[in-house]
Amino acid sequence: MFQEIYIIDDDNNLIQNLTQIFKEENNYIFKSVETDNLDVALKNIPSLIIINEDNTKMDIVNLCEKIRENNDNNITPIIVITSNKDRCHRIDVLKKSIEYYIKAPIDNEYLYYTIKNIIRLMNMNRRISPLTGLPGNVQIQVEIKKRLLKKENFAILYLDLDNFKAYNDIYGFLKGDEIIKFTAKTIINQVHNSDSENTFIGHIGGDDFVAILYNEDYNKICKSIIEEFDNNILKFFSEEEIEKGYFEVANRKGIIEEFPLTSISIAVVVVEAGKYDNALEIAEVGAQVKHLAKTKIGSSYAINRRK
């Protein structure tokens, strides 16, 4: 994957230096942007922005503030390189959520590893769901594999929403995202409030979630998740829909279809030491159990206890 790095600099000295430092790294692309053309860098949402304060026309604090105010770049990491050694100035810059403040003259090896480590951290952060802040598929697989290797007894909850696609079709993705965040918060509240220790919650994607528990109190946790979910999901629907108990969506042929209000289904797979060889086997059983849970109207859960 190419890493596009923009250098905000009103001369070409820094980019020439960086190109030389990274001459063996084919996946790093450096582009120089003058201060007057800052919008070019922001529009392209680079992997990293490096500002050479000594060669910029704009006040550095205002420049950093402008970048952070841009919605597309409010999490883009920024390095400021400067010969200004004043402590107050450094703090003023860092207050604008700037990740690194490097004093000139530049130590090439230090700059090289700083850039490499920032990119590595960003790649790691991509494994986290930006919508819910929960770990994604990579970490979910790691957590399950770790417990299997240790031959631990645990339970996995596979959770997803019923009639969520129909909700998105009528209310739009922004409202749908609000339900996803609400669902994540509900799961977090109930799992973390339980007596189970060393729990884990992950976001597979879309409306699919996973929770890993150690104790056998999964019945109580499933019930509490459903109770909180059902008590608060109604705020996402109109009074008329709540009164009717369903909402209407036109299908591709223009025919109006009725869907029950969005609910949550939970599949519980009880994992005993030596029962499963890998996460894929557990997920396959989870899919079967979830299918059983979804045959019931409204929020429900089903448990797999097969030996």
C-alpha atoms as a PDB file:
ATOM      1  CA  MET A   1       0.000   0.000   0.000  1.00  0.00           C
ATOM      2  CA  PHE A   2       1.408   3.385  -1.040  1.00  0.00           C
ATOM      3  CA  GLN A   3       1.938   5.978   1.682  1.00  0.00           C
ATOM      4  CA  GLU A   4       1.412   9.473   0.278  1.00  0.00           C
ATOM      5  CA  ILE A   5       3.191  12.062   2.423  1.00  0.00           C
ATOM      6  CA  TYR A   6       2.803  15.795   1.803  1.00  0.00           C
ATOM      7  CA  ILE A   7       5.582  18.215   2.681  1.00  0.00           C
ATOM      8  CA  ILE A   8       4.352  21.749   3.351  1.00  0.00           C
ATOM      9  CA  ASP A   9       7.423  23.740   2.419  1.00  0.00           C
ATOM     10  CA  ASP A  10       8.079  26.797   0.271  1.00  0.00           C
ATOM     11  CA  ASP A  11      11.328  25.370  -1.107  1.00  0.00           C
ATOM     12  CA  ASN A  12      12.400  21.867  -2.186  1.00  0.00           C
ATOM     13  CA  ASN A  13      15.242  21.155   0.250  1.00  0.00           C
ATOM     14  CA  LEU A  14      13.240  18.995   2.659  1.00  0.00           C
ATOM     15  CA  ILE A  15      11.578  16.837   0.019  1.00  0.00           C
ATOM     16  CA  GLN A  16      14.923  16.195  -1.640  1.00  0.00           C
ATOM     17  CA  ASN A  17      16.325  15.102   1.701  1.00  0.00           C
ATOM     18  CA  LEU A  18      13.372  12.799   2.439  1.00  0.00           C
ATOM     19  CA  THR A  19      13.463  11.274  -1.024  1.00  0.00           C
ATOM     20  CA  GLN A  20      17.116  10.407  -0.415  1.00  0.00           C
ATOM     21  CA  ILE A  21      16.400   9.003   3.080  1.00  0.00           C
ATOM     22  CA  PHE A  22      13.628   6.763   1.719  1.00  0.00           C
ATOM     23  CA  LYS A  23      15.314   5.820  -1.564  1.00  0.00           C
ATOM     24  CA  GLU A  24      15.045   2.103  -0.682  1.00  0.00           C
ATOM     25  CA  GLU A  25      11.339   2.387   0.237  1.00  0.00           C
ATOM     26  CA  ASN A  26       9.274   2.078  -2.937  1.00  0.00           C
ATOM     27  CA  ASN A  27       5.893   2.463  -1.208  1.00  0.00           C
ATOM     28  CA  TYR A  28       6.563   5.981   0.143  1.00  0.00           C
ATOM     29  CA  ILE A  29       5.582   8.895  -2.089  1.00  0.00           C
ATOM     30  CA  PHE A  30       6.620  12.429  -1.069  1.00  0.00           C
ATOM     31  CA  LYS A  31       4.960  15.497  -2.560  1.00  0.00           C
ATOM     32  CA  SER A  32       5.898  19.098  -1.890  1.00  0.00           C
ATOM     33  CA  VAL A  33       3.136  21.685  -1.398  1.00  0.00           C
ATOM     34  CA  GLU A  34       3.640  25.397  -0.923  1.00  0.00           C
ATOM     35  CA  THR A  35       1.698  27.110   1.850  1.00  0.00           C
ATOM     36  CA  ASP A  36      -0.517  28.902  -0.676  1.00  0.00           C
ATOM     37  CA  ASN A  37      -1.633  25.533  -2.037  1.00  0.00           C
ATOM     38  CA  LEU A  38      -2.450  23.919   1.308  1.00  0.00           C
ATOM     39  CA  ASP A  39      -5.925  22.979   0.092  1.00  0.00           C
ATOM     40  CA  VAL A  40      -4.317  20.600  -2.433  1.00  0.00           C
ATOM     41  CA  ALA A  41      -2.801  18.546   0.377  1.00  0.00           C
ATOM     42  CA  LEU A  42      -6.002  18.561   2.412  1.00  0.00           C
ATOM     43  CA  LYS A  43      -8.141  17.545  -0.545  1.00  0.00           C
ATOM     44  CA  ASN A  44      -6.078  14.412  -1.174  1.00  0.00           C
ATOM     45  CA  ILE A  45      -6.102  13.252   2.499  1.00  0.00           C
ATOM     46  CA  PRO A  46      -2.459  12.130   2.768  1.00  0.00           C
ATOM     47  CA  SER A  47      -1.115   9.449   5.121  1.00  0.00           C
ATOM     48  CA  LEU A  48       1.062  12.048   6.841  1.00  0.00           C
ATOM     49  CA  ILE A  49       1.742  15.810   6.681  1.00  0.00           C
ATOM     50  CA  ILE A  50       5.192  17.247   7.407  1.00  0.00           C
ATOM     51  CA  ILE A  51       5.511  21.010   7.896  1.00  0.00           C
ATOM     52  CA  ASN A  52       8.849  22.778   7.534  1.00  0.00           C
ATOM     53  CA  GLU A  53       8.183  25.822   9.720  1.00  0.00           C
ATOM     54  CA  ASP A  54      11.394  27.603   8.680  1.00  0.00           C
ATOM     55  CA  ASN A  55      10.152  27.778   5.092  1.00  0.00           C
ATOM     56  CA  THR A  56       6.441  28.538   5.430  1.00  0.00           C
ATOM     57  CA  LYS A  57       4.787  31.911   4.966  1.00  0.00           C
ATOM     58  CA  MET A  58       1.855  31.202   7.262  1.00  0.00           C
ATOM     59  CA  ASP A  59       1.989  31.318  11.068  1.00  0.00           C
ATOM     60  CA  ILE A  60       2.607  27.717  12.120  1.00  0.00           C
ATOM     61  CA  VAL A  61      -0.051  27.658  14.859  1.00  0.00           C
ATOM     62  CA  ASN A  62      -2.698  28.980  12.465  1.00  0.00           C
ATOM     63  CA  LEU A  63      -1.529  26.530   9.816  1.00  0.00           C
ATOM     64  CA  CYS A  64      -1.875  23.550  12.166  1.00  0.00           C
ATOM     65  CA  GLU A  65      -5.258  24.804  13.323  1.00  0.00           C
ATOM     66  CA  LYS A  66      -6.473  25.034   9.729  1.00  0.00           C
ATOM     67  CA  ILE A  67      -5.445  21.435   9.046  1.00  0.00           C
ATOM     68  CA  ARG A  68      -7.138  20.129  12.181  1.00  0.00           C
ATOM     69  CA  GLU A  69     -10.353  22.000  11.360  1.00  0.00           C
ATOM     70  CA  ASN A  70     -10.560  20.139   8.042  1.00  0.00           C
ATOM     71  CA  ASN A  71     -12.978  17.223   8.571  1.00  0.00           C
ATOM     72  CA  ASP A  72     -11.090  14.908   6.233  1.00  0.00           C
ATOM     73  CA  ASN A  73      -7.756  15.520   7.956  1.00  0.00           C
ATOM     74  CA  ASN A  74      -8.620  15.877  11.614  1.00  0.00           C
ATOM     75  CA  ILE A  75      -6.850  12.573  12.331  1.00  0.00           C
ATOM     76  CA  THR A  76      -4.041  12.874   9.757  1.00  0.00           C
ATOM     77  CA  PRO A  77      -0.759  12.803  11.732  1.00  0.00           C
ATOM     78  CA  ILE A  78       1.424  15.930  11.479  1.00  0.00           C
ATOM     79  CA  ILE A  79       5.145  16.443  12.036  1.00  0.00           C
ATOM     80  CA  VAL A  80       6.480  19.968  12.489  1.00  0.00           C
ATOM     81  CA  ILE A  81      10.187  20.493  11.760  1.00  0.00           C
ATOM     82  CA  THR A  82      11.588  23.787  13.008  1.00  0.00           C
ATOM     83  CA  SER A  83      14.697  25.561  14.260  1.00  0.00           C
ATOM     84  CA  ASN A  84      12.575  27.391  16.847  1.00  0.00           C
ATOM     85  CA  LYS A  85      13.675  26.002  20.223  1.00  0.00           C
ATOM     86  CA  ASP A  86      11.414  28.153  22.385  1.00  0.00           C
ATOM     87  CA  ARG A  87       9.504  25.935  24.798  1.00  0.00           C
ATOM     88  CA  CYS A  88       6.316  28.054  24.812  1.00  0.00           C
ATOM     89  CA  HIS A  89       6.218  27.978  21.035  1.00  0.00           C
ATOM     90  CA  ARG A  90       6.601  24.195  21.045  1.00  0.00           C
ATOM     91  CA  ILE A  91       3.724  23.822  23.522  1.00  0.00           C
ATOM     92  CA  ASP A  92       1.519  26.154  21.452  1.00  0.00           C
ATOM     93  CA  VAL A  93       2.087  23.960  18.409  1.00  0.00           C
ATOM     94  CA  LEU A  94       1.474  20.698  20.286  1.00  0.00           C
ATOM     95  CA  LYS A  95      -1.775  22.127  21.686  1.00  0.00           C
ATOM     96  CA  LYS A  96      -3.120  21.983  18.139  1.00  0.00           C
ATOM     97  CA  SER A  97      -2.989  18.168  18.322  1.00  0.00           C
ATOM     98  CA  ILE A  98       0.302  17.910  16.461  1.00  0.00           C
ATOM     99  CA  GLU A  99       1.974  14.537  16.977  1.00  0.00           C
ATOM    100  CA  TYR A 100       5.683  15.428  16.663  1.00  0.00           C
ATOM    101  CA  TYR A 101       7.759  18.582  17.019  1.00  0.00           C
ATOM    102  CA  ILE A 102      11.263  17.944  15.658  1.00  0.00           C
ATOM    103  CA  LYS A 103      14.017  20.505  16.104  1.00  0.00           C
ATOM    104  CA  ALA A 104      16.329  21.344  13.236  1.00  0.00           C
ATOM    105  CA  PRO A 105      18.961  20.519  12.174  1.00  0.00           C
ATOM    106  CA  ILE A 106      17.415  17.191  11.238  1.00  0.00           C
ATOM    107  CA  ASP A 107      18.837  13.873  12.318  1.00  0.00           C
ATOM    108  CA  ASN A 108      18.021  11.813   9.217  1.00  0.00           C
ATOM    109  CA  GLU A 109      17.903   8.481  11.006  1.00  0.00           C
ATOM    110  CA  TYR A 110      15.629   9.884  13.733  1.00  0.00           C
ATOM    111  CA  LEU A 111      13.286  11.370  11.106  1.00  0.00           C
ATOM    112  CA  TYR A 112      13.270   8.110   9.120  1.00  0.00           C
ATOM    113  CA  TYR A 113      12.145   5.977  12.067  1.00  0.00           C
ATOM    114  CA  THR A 114       9.687   8.605  13.294  1.00  0.00           C
ATOM    115  CA  ILE A 115       7.910   8.547   9.929  1.00  0.00           C
ATOM    116  CA  LYS A 116       8.032   4.750   9.726  1.00  0.00           C
ATOM    117  CA  ASN A 117       6.591   4.360  13.226  1.00  0.00           C
ATOM    118  CA  ILE A 118       3.778   6.865  12.639  1.00  0.00           C
ATOM    119  CA  ILE A 119       2.727   5.005   9.482  1.00  0.00           C
ATOM    120  CA  ARG A 120       2.921   1.674  11.346  1.00  0.00           C
ATOM    121  CA  LEU A 121       0.704   3.056  14.106  1.00  0.00           C
ATOM    122  CA  MET A 122      -1.799   4.380  11.568  1.00  0.00           C
ATOM    123  CA  ASN A 123      -1.953   0.964   9.909  1.00  0.00           C
ATOM    124  CA  MET A 124      -2.598  -0.605  13.299  1.00  0.00           C
ATOM    125  CA  ASN A 125      -5.358   1.911  14.013  1.00  0.00           C
ATOM    126  CA  ARG A 126      -7.089   0.936  10.782  1.00  0.00           C
ATOM    127  CA  ARG A 127      -7.855  -2.348  12.482  1.00  0.00           C
ATOM    128  CA  ILE A 128     -10.136  -0.403  14.826  1.00  0.00           C
ATOM    129  CA  SER A 129     -13.658   0.462  13.709  1.00  0.00           C
ATOM    130  CA  PRO A 130     -13.732   4.246  13.156  1.00  0.00           C
ATOM    131  CA  LEU A 131     -17.463   4.240  13.884  1.00  0.00           C
ATOM    132  CA  THR A 132     -17.516   2.416  17.227  1.00  0.00           C
ATOM    133  CA  GLY A 133     -13.853   2.479  18.309  1.00  0.00           C
ATOM    134  CA  LEU A 134     -14.005  -1.292  18.831  1.00  0.00           C
ATOM    135  CA  PRO A 135     -11.367  -3.772  17.579  1.00  0.00           C
ATOM    136  CA  GLY A 136     -12.052  -5.251  14.151  1.00  0.00           C
ATOM    137  CA  ASN A 137     -11.654  -8.656  12.523  1.00  0.00           C
ATOM    138  CA  VAL A 138      -7.889  -8.972  12.927  1.00  0.00           C
ATOM    139  CA  GLN A 139      -7.972  -8.483  16.690  1.00  0.00           C
ATOM    140  CA  ILE A 140     -11.102 -10.620  17.047  1.00  0.00           C
ATOM    141  CA  GLN A 141      -9.305 -13.569  15.429  1.00  0.00           C
ATOM    142  CA  VAL A 142      -6.262 -12.990  17.642  1.00  0.00           C
ATOM    143  CA  GLU A 143      -8.365 -12.971  20.813  1.00  0.00           C
ATOM    144  CA  ILE A 144     -10.165 -16.210  19.910  1.00  0.00           C
ATOM    145  CA  LYS A 145      -6.946 -17.946  18.830  1.00  0.00           C
ATOM    146  CA  LYS A 146      -5.214 -16.892  22.056  1.00  0.00           C
ATOM    147  CA  ARG A 147      -7.934 -18.469  24.178  1.00  0.00           C
ATOM    148  CA  LEU A 148      -8.004 -21.650  22.083  1.00  0.00           C
ATOM    149  CA  LEU A 149      -4.227 -22.081  22.401  1.00  0.00           C
ATOM    150  CA  LYS A 150      -4.495 -21.675  26.163  1.00  0.00           C
ATOM    151  CA  LYS A 151      -7.267 -24.314  26.170  1.00  0.00           C
ATOM    152  CA  GLU A 152      -9.590 -22.030  28.087  1.00  0.00           C
ATOM    153  CA  ASN A 153     -13.324 -22.402  28.610  1.00  0.00           C
ATOM    154  CA  PHE A 154     -15.251 -19.363  27.404  1.00  0.00           C
ATOM    155  CA  ALA A 155     -18.381 -18.231  25.595  1.00  0.00           C
ATOM    156  CA  ILE A 156     -18.659 -16.148  22.419  1.00  0.00           C
ATOM    157  CA  LEU A 157     -21.659 -13.947  21.711  1.00  0.00           C
ATOM    158  CA  TYR A 158     -22.357 -13.166  18.048  1.00  0.00           C
ATOM    159  CA  LEU A 159     -24.739 -10.196  17.839  1.00  0.00           C
ATOM    160  CA  ASP A 160     -26.433  -8.510  14.914  1.00  0.00           C
ATOM    161  CA  LEU A 161     -29.529  -6.469  14.116  1.00  0.00           C
ATOM    162  CA  ASP A 162     -32.790  -7.575  12.516  1.00  0.00           C
ATOM    163  CA  ASN A 163     -34.338  -5.480   9.725  1.00  0.00           C
ATOM    164  CA  PHE A 164     -31.370  -3.100   9.791  1.00  0.00           C
ATOM    165  CA  LYS A 165     -30.975  -2.936   5.987  1.00  0.00           C
ATOM    166  CA  ALA A 166     -34.631  -1.936   5.645  1.00  0.00           C
ATOM    167  CA  TYR A 167     -34.058   0.796   8.263  1.00  0.00           C
ATOM    168  CA  ASN A 168     -31.086   2.109   6.277  1.00  0.00           C
ATOM    169  CA  ASP A 169     -33.152   2.149   3.096  1.00  0.00           C
ATOM    170  CA  ILE A 170     -35.762   4.469   4.579  1.00  0.00           C
ATOM    171  CA  TYR A 171     -33.773   6.536   7.089  1.00  0.00           C
ATOM    172  CA  GLY A 172     -30.367   6.668   5.381  1.00  0.00           C
ATOM    173  CA  PHE A 173     -26.876   5.619   6.393  1.00  0.00           C
ATOM    174  CA  LEU A 174     -26.267   8.473   8.822  1.00  0.00           C
ATOM    175  CA  LYS A 175     -29.221   7.433  10.970  1.00  0.00           C
ATOM    176  CA  GLY A 176     -28.154   3.830  10.505  1.00  0.00           C
ATOM    177  CA  ASP A 177     -24.701   4.690  11.841  1.00  0.00           C
ATOM    178  CA  GLU A 178     -26.361   6.141  14.939  1.00  0.00           C
ATOM    179  CA  ILE A 179     -28.055   2.790  15.577  1.00  0.00           C
ATOM    180  CA  ILE A 180     -24.710   0.993  15.119  1.00  0.00           C
ATOM    181  CA  LYS A 181     -23.072   3.284  17.704  1.00  0.00           C
ATOM    182  CA  PHE A 182     -26.033   2.845  20.055  1.00  0.00           C
ATOM    183  CA  THR A 183     -25.774  -0.946  19.702  1.00  0.00           C
ATOM    184  CA  ALA A 184     -22.035  -0.874  20.458  1.00  0.00           C
ATOM    185  CA  LYS A 185     -22.635   1.258  23.543  1.00  0.00           C
ATOM    186  CA  THR A 186     -25.374  -1.113  24.739  1.00  0.00           C
ATOM    187  CA  ILE A 187     -23.123  -4.168  24.403  1.00  0.00           C
ATOM    188  CA  ILE A 188     -20.227  -2.388  26.127  1.00  0.00           C
ATOM    189  CA  ASN A 189     -22.465  -1.253  29.003  1.00  0.00           C
ATOM    190  CA  GLN A 190     -23.820  -4.700  29.767  1.00  0.00           C
ATOM    191  CA  VAL A 191     -20.677  -6.773  29.198  1.00  0.00           C
ATOM    192  CA  HIS A 192     -18.457  -4.444  31.207  1.00  0.00           C
ATOM    193  CA  ASN A 193     -21.046  -4.174  33.982  1.00  0.00           C
ATOM    194  CA  SER A 194     -21.121  -7.954  34.358  1.00  0.00           C
ATOM    195  CA  ASP A 195     -19.051  -9.990  36.796  1.00  0.00           C
ATOM    196  CA  SER A 196     -17.129 -11.617  33.949  1.00  0.00           C
ATOM    197  CA  GLU A 197     -13.414 -10.769  33.917  1.00  0.00           C
ATOM    198  CA  ASN A 198     -11.068 -10.294  30.949  1.00  0.00           C
ATOM    199  CA  THR A 199     -13.954  -9.716  28.552  1.00  0.00           C
ATOM    200  CA  PHE A 200     -13.507  -8.665  24.929  1.00  0.00           C
ATOM    201  CA  ILE A 201     -15.863  -6.828  22.555  1.00  0.00           C
ATOM    202  CA  GLY A 202     -15.228  -6.525  18.825  1.00  0.00           C
ATOM    203  CA  HIS A 203     -16.971  -4.990  15.808  1.00  0.00           C
ATOM    204  CA  ILE A 204     -16.873  -7.371  12.843  1.00  0.00           C
ATOM    205  CA  GLY A 205     -18.374  -4.711  10.590  1.00  0.00           C
ATOM    206  CA  GLY A 206     -21.767  -3.272   9.702  1.00  0.00           C
ATOM    207  CA  ASP A 207     -24.257  -4.409  12.334  1.00  0.00           C
ATOM    208  CA  ASP A 208     -22.240  -7.478  13.407  1.00  0.00           C
ATOM    209  CA  PHE A 209     -20.536  -7.625  16.812  1.00  0.00           C
ATOM    210  CA  VAL A 210     -18.706 -10.182  18.943  1.00  0.00           C
ATOM    211  CA  ALA A 211     -18.290 -10.447  22.727  1.00  0.00           C
ATOM    212  CA  ILE A 212     -16.103 -12.960  24.559  1.00  0.00           C
ATOM    213  CA  LEU A 213     -16.870 -13.868  28.180  1.00  0.00           C
ATOM    214  CA  TYR A 214     -15.192 -16.141  30.715  1.00  0.00           C
ATOM    215  CA  ASN A 215     -17.926 -16.932  33.177  1.00  0.00           C
ATOM    216  CA  GLU A 216     -21.166 -18.789  32.508  1.00  0.00           C
ATOM    217  CA  ASP A 217     -23.350 -15.764  33.147  1.00  0.00           C
ATOM    218  CA  TYR A 218     -24.111 -15.339  29.440  1.00  0.00           C
ATOM    219  CA  ASN A 219     -27.856 -15.854  30.007  1.00  0.00           C
ATOM    220  CA  LYS A 220     -27.986 -12.816  32.283  1.00  0.00           C
ATOM    221  CA  ILE A 221     -25.826 -10.707  29.943  1.00  0.00           C
ATOM    222  CA  CYS A 222     -27.912 -11.583  26.867  1.00  0.00           C
ATOM    223  CA  LYS A 223     -31.094 -10.647  28.713  1.00  0.00           C
ATOM    224  CA  SER A 224     -29.640  -7.334  29.922  1.00  0.00           C
ATOM    225  CA  ILE A 225     -28.391  -6.436  26.418  1.00  0.00           C
ATOM    226  CA  ILE A 226     -31.837  -7.145  24.971  1.00  0.00           C
ATOM    227  CA  GLU A 227     -33.571  -5.179  27.732  1.00  0.00           C
ATOM    228  CA  GLU A 228     -31.418  -2.079  27.263  1.00  0.00           C
ATOM    229  CA  PHE A 229     -31.611  -2.349  23.474  1.00  0.00           C
ATOM    230  CA  ASP A 230     -35.396  -2.731  23.346  1.00  0.00           C
ATOM    231  CA  ASN A 231     -35.926   0.087  25.855  1.00  0.00           C
ATOM    232  CA  ASN A 232     -33.900   2.585  23.824  1.00  0.00           C
ATOM    233  CA  ILE A 233     -34.233   1.571  20.155  1.00  0.00           C
ATOM    234  CA  LEU A 234     -37.633   3.259  19.967  1.00  0.00           C
ATOM    235  CA  LYS A 235     -36.015   6.716  19.891  1.00  0.00           C
ATOM    236  CA  PHE A 236     -34.899   5.942  16.331  1.00  0.00           C
ATOM    237  CA  PHE A 237     -38.481   5.549  15.083  1.00  0.00           C
ATOM    238  CA  SER A 238     -41.474   7.848  14.686  1.00  0.00           C
ATOM    239  CA  GLU A 239     -44.422   7.725  17.078  1.00  0.00           C
ATOM    240  CA  GLU A 240     -46.602   6.346  14.293  1.00  0.00           C
ATOM    241  CA  GLU A 241     -44.175   3.483  13.619  1.00  0.00           C
ATOM    242  CA  ILE A 242     -43.896   2.706  17.321  1.00  0.00           C
ATOM    243  CA  GLU A 243     -47.684   2.594  17.631  1.00  0.00           C
ATOM    244  CA  LYS A 244     -47.996   0.285  14.608  1.00  0.00           C
ATOM    245  CA  GLY A 245     -45.004  -1.847  15.608  1.00  0.00           C
ATOM    246  CA  TYR A 246     -43.534  -1.795  12.119  1.00  0.00           C
ATOM    247  CA  PHE A 247     -42.198   0.556   9.438  1.00  0.00           C
ATOM    248  CA  GLU A 248     -42.823   0.545   5.700  1.00  0.00           C
ATOM    249  CA  VAL A 249     -40.245   0.359   2.906  1.00  0.00           C
ATOM    250  CA  ALA A 250     -40.777   0.272  -0.859  1.00  0.00           C
ATOM    251  CA  ASN A 251     -38.946  -2.638  -2.512  1.00  0.00           C
ATOM    252  CA  ARG A 252     -37.264  -2.512  -5.938  1.00  0.00           C
ATOM    253  CA  LYS A 253     -40.580  -3.070  -7.659  1.00  0.00           C
ATOM    254  CA  GLY A 254     -42.154  -0.175  -5.763  1.00  0.00           C
ATOM    255  CA  ILE A 255     -44.270  -2.462  -3.618  1.00  0.00           C
ATOM    256  CA  ILE A 256     -44.587  -1.338   0.016  1.00  0.00           C
ATOM    257  CA  GLU A 257     -43.355  -3.908   2.497  1.00  0.00           C
ATOM    258  CA  GLU A 258     -43.808  -3.941   6.271  1.00  0.00           C
ATOM    259  CA  PHE A 259     -40.861  -4.646   8.581  1.00  0.00           C
ATOM    260  CA  PRO A 260     -40.954  -5.072  12.366  1.00  0.00           C
ATOM    261  CA  LEU A 261     -39.008  -2.441  14.316  1.00  0.00           C
ATOM    262  CA  THR A 262     -35.267  -3.134  14.456  1.00  0.00           C
ATOM    263  CA  SER A 263     -34.344  -5.748  17.067  1.00  0.00           C
ATOM    264  CA  ILE A 264     -31.180  -7.585  18.121  1.00  0.00           C
ATOM    265  CA  SER A 265     -30.362 -11.287  17.771  1.00  0.00           C
ATOM    266  CA  ILE A 266     -27.648 -12.972  19.837  1.00  0.00           C
ATOM    267  CA  ALA A 267     -26.041 -16.364  19.245  1.00  0.00           C
ATOM    268  CA  VAL A 268     -24.058 -17.838  22.134  1.00  0.00           C
ATOM    269  CA  VAL A 269     -21.426 -20.484  21.445  1.00  0.00           C
ATOM    270  CA  VAL A 270     -20.092 -22.204  24.552  1.00  0.00           C
ATOM    271  CA  VAL A 271     -16.449 -23.128  23.902  1.00  0.00           C
ATOM    272  CA  GLU A 272     -14.980 -25.858  26.079  1.00  0.00           C
ATOM    273  CA  ALA A 273     -11.269 -26.706  26.034  1.00  0.00           C
ATOM    274  CA  GLY A 274     -10.443 -28.929  23.035  1.00  0.00           C
ATOM    275  CA  LYS A 275     -13.926 -28.639  21.527  1.00  0.00           C
ATOM    276  CA  TYR A 276     -12.933 -26.459  18.555  1.00  0.00           C
ATOM    277  CA  ASP A 277      -9.701 -26.264  16.564  1.00  0.00           C
ATOM    278  CA  ASN A 278      -9.995 -22.712  15.239  1.00  0.00           C
ATOM    279  CA  ALA A 279     -12.070 -19.524  15.083  1.00  0.00           C
ATOM    280  CA  LEU A 280     -13.647 -20.522  11.754  1.00  0.00           C
ATOM    281  CA  GLU A 281     -15.301 -23.589  13.287  1.00  0.00           C
ATOM    282  CA  ILE A 282     -16.716 -21.467  16.104  1.00  0.00           C
ATOM    283  CA  ALA A 283     -17.996 -18.843  13.630  1.00  0.00           C
ATOM    284  CA  GLU A 284     -19.757 -21.513  11.570  1.00  0.00           C
ATOM    285  CA  VAL A 285     -21.569 -22.808  14.649  1.00  0.00           C
ATOM    286  CA  GLY A 286     -22.325 -19.201  15.626  1.00  0.00           C
ATOM    287  CA  ALA A 287     -23.984 -18.613  12.234  1.00  0.00           C
ATOM    288  CA  GLN A 288     -26.221 -21.666  12.743  1.00  0.00           C
ATOM    289  CA  VAL A 289     -27.221 -20.590  16.232  1.00  0.00           C
ATOM    290  CA  LYS A 290     -27.861 -17.014  15.091  1.00  0.00           C
ATOM    291  CA  HIS A 291     -30.172 -18.359  12.386  1.00  0.00           C
ATOM    292  CA  LEU A 292     -32.136 -20.065  15.146  1.00  0.00           C
ATOM    293  CA  ALA A 293     -32.325 -16.838  17.159  1.00  0.00           C
ATOM    294  CA  LYS A 294     -33.579 -14.948  14.096  1.00  0.00           C
ATOM    295  CA  THR A 295     -36.511 -17.310  13.636  1.00  0.00           C
ATOM    296  CA  LYS A 296     -38.064 -15.663  16.696  1.00  0.00           C
ATOM    297  CA  ILE A 297     -39.910 -12.354  16.379  1.00  0.00           C
ATOM    298  CA  GLY A 298     -38.246  -9.437  18.143  1.00  0.00           C
ATOM    299  CA  SER A 299     -35.014  -9.416  20.113  1.00  0.00           C
ATOM    300  CA  SER A 300     -33.893 -12.868  21.197  1.00  0.00           C
ATOM    301  CA  TYR A 301     -30.937 -15.111  21.914  1.00  0.00           C
ATOM    302  CA  ALA A 302     -30.081 -18.755  21.399  1.00  0.00           C
ATOM    303  CA  ILE A 303     -27.340 -20.871  22.981  1.00  0.00           C
ATOM    304  CA  ASN A 304     -25.291 -23.707  21.523  1.00  0.00           C
ATOM    305  CA  ARG A 305     -24.309 -26.272  24.158  1.00  0.00           C
ATOM    306  CA  ARG A 306     -23.598 -29.219  21.847  1.00  0.00           C
ATOM    307  CA  LYS A 307     -20.862 -31.594  22.994  1.00  0.00           C
END
